[in-house]
Amino acid sequence: MATAFLDDDEVYILTGYKKPKLQKAWLARLNIPFEENAKGKLAVYSSHFQAIPSTSNNKPAEEEPNFGYI
């Protein structure tokens, strides 16, 4: 079951830090939204990392050579 927030291990893997002070600084520097409870525990929204699949083709159109200039 998906949860609204990353767990402690996921926050550690994401930031590379175990200390909440360093985690907060890293998250803030990258503009990753998070909340902090009264005890200073971080809550990082998992929805920030969920990719929305794209149904469109985002590849730029390949241009044909303009043979009229030859």
C-alpha atoms as a PDB file:
ATOM      1  CA  MET A   1       0.000   0.000   0.000  1.00  0.00           C
ATOM      2  CA  ALA A   2       1.353   3.414  -0.945  1.00  0.00           C
ATOM      3  CA  THR A   3       1.754   5.934   1.828  1.00  0.00           C
ATOM      4  CA  ALA A   4       1.577   9.704   1.717  1.00  0.00           C
ATOM      5  CA  PHE A   5       5.098  10.126   3.075  1.00  0.00           C
ATOM      6  CA  LEU A   6       8.502   8.533   2.571  1.00  0.00           C
ATOM      7  CA  ASP A   7       9.654   6.373   5.476  1.00  0.00           C
ATOM      8  CA  ASP A   8      12.844   7.097   7.435  1.00  0.00           C
ATOM      9  CA  ASP A   9      14.960   4.746   5.305  1.00  0.00           C
ATOM     10  CA  GLU A  10      13.727   6.337   2.083  1.00  0.00           C
ATOM     11  CA  VAL A  11      14.522   9.835   3.374  1.00  0.00           C
ATOM     12  CA  TYR A  12      18.010   8.621   4.287  1.00  0.00           C
ATOM     13  CA  ILE A  13      18.513   7.067   0.838  1.00  0.00           C
ATOM     14  CA  LEU A  14      17.231  10.230  -0.837  1.00  0.00           C
ATOM     15  CA  THR A  15      19.314  12.705   1.154  1.00  0.00           C
ATOM     16  CA  GLY A  16      22.302  10.600   2.181  1.00  0.00           C
ATOM     17  CA  TYR A  17      21.973  12.001   5.705  1.00  0.00           C
ATOM     18  CA  LYS A  18      20.628  10.503   8.931  1.00  0.00           C
ATOM     19  CA  LYS A  19      20.485  13.746  10.928  1.00  0.00           C
ATOM     20  CA  PRO A  20      17.217  15.637  10.432  1.00  0.00           C
ATOM     21  CA  LYS A  21      19.007  19.010  10.366  1.00  0.00           C
ATOM     22  CA  LEU A  22      21.140  17.913   7.395  1.00  0.00           C
ATOM     23  CA  GLN A  23      18.168  16.228   5.710  1.00  0.00           C
ATOM     24  CA  LYS A  24      16.138  19.457   5.970  1.00  0.00           C
ATOM     25  CA  ALA A  25      18.956  21.526   4.505  1.00  0.00           C
ATOM     26  CA  TRP A  26      19.388  19.118   1.591  1.00  0.00           C
ATOM     27  CA  LEU A  27      15.650  18.970   0.854  1.00  0.00           C
ATOM     28  CA  ALA A  28      15.293  22.749   1.075  1.00  0.00           C
ATOM     29  CA  ARG A  29      18.267  23.298  -1.248  1.00  0.00           C
ATOM     30  CA  LEU A  30      16.549  21.133  -3.908  1.00  0.00           C
ATOM     31  CA  ASN A  31      13.088  22.655  -3.271  1.00  0.00           C
ATOM     32  CA  ILE A  32      11.632  19.274  -2.277  1.00  0.00           C
ATOM     33  CA  PRO A  33       8.514  19.895  -0.165  1.00  0.00           C
ATOM     34  CA  PHE A  34       8.438  18.483   3.358  1.00  0.00           C
ATOM     35  CA  GLU A  35       6.718  19.058   6.676  1.00  0.00           C
ATOM     36  CA  GLU A  36       8.173  18.881  10.153  1.00  0.00           C
ATOM     37  CA  ASN A  37       6.219  17.715  13.185  1.00  0.00           C
ATOM     38  CA  ALA A  38       6.507  19.152  16.715  1.00  0.00           C
ATOM     39  CA  LYS A  39       9.356  16.745  17.525  1.00  0.00           C
ATOM     40  CA  GLY A  40      11.357  17.735  14.447  1.00  0.00           C
ATOM     41  CA  LYS A  41      10.616  14.541  12.498  1.00  0.00           C
ATOM     42  CA  LEU A  42      10.488  15.072   8.744  1.00  0.00           C
ATOM     43  CA  ALA A  43       7.563  14.120   6.564  1.00  0.00           C
ATOM     44  CA  VAL A  44       8.514  14.105   2.879  1.00  0.00           C
ATOM     45  CA  TYR A  45       5.614  13.774   0.454  1.00  0.00           C
ATOM     46  CA  SER A  46       5.919  10.633  -1.656  1.00  0.00           C
ATOM     47  CA  SER A  47       3.634  12.189  -4.278  1.00  0.00           C
ATOM     48  CA  HIS A  48       6.486  14.548  -5.202  1.00  0.00           C
ATOM     49  CA  PHE A  49       8.340  11.553  -6.645  1.00  0.00           C
ATOM     50  CA  GLN A  50       5.498   9.821  -8.445  1.00  0.00           C
ATOM     51  CA  ALA A  51       5.889  10.222 -12.181  1.00  0.00           C
ATOM     52  CA  ILE A  52       2.850  10.928 -14.278  1.00  0.00           C
ATOM     53  CA  PRO A  53       3.034   8.816 -17.419  1.00  0.00           C
ATOM     54  CA  SER A  54       2.919  10.825 -20.589  1.00  0.00           C
ATOM     55  CA  THR A  55       0.655   9.771 -23.434  1.00  0.00           C
ATOM     56  CA  SER A  56       2.124  12.220 -25.909  1.00  0.00           C
ATOM     57  CA  ASN A  57       5.237  11.787 -27.960  1.00  0.00           C
ATOM     58  CA  ASN A  58       7.635  14.427 -26.643  1.00  0.00           C
ATOM     59  CA  LYS A  59      10.311  13.780 -29.259  1.00  0.00           C
ATOM     60  CA  PRO A  60      11.029  16.777 -31.449  1.00  0.00           C
ATOM     61  CA  ALA A  61       9.939  16.371 -35.038  1.00  0.00           C
ATOM     62  CA  GLU A  62      12.789  15.458 -37.340  1.00  0.00           C
ATOM     63  CA  GLU A  63      13.225  17.994 -40.074  1.00  0.00           C
ATOM     64  CA  GLU A  64      13.473  16.940 -43.688  1.00  0.00           C
ATOM     65  CA  PRO A  65      16.234  18.533 -45.715  1.00  0.00           C
ATOM     66  CA  ASN A  66      15.030  21.389 -47.892  1.00  0.00           C
ATOM     67  CA  PHE A  67      15.917  20.122 -51.362  1.00  0.00           C
ATOM     68  CA  GLY A  68      14.600  23.365 -52.898  1.00  0.00           C
ATOM     69  CA  TYR A  69      17.879  25.069 -51.993  1.00  0.00           C
ATOM     70  CA  ILE A  70      19.926  22.646 -54.086  1.00  0.00           C
END
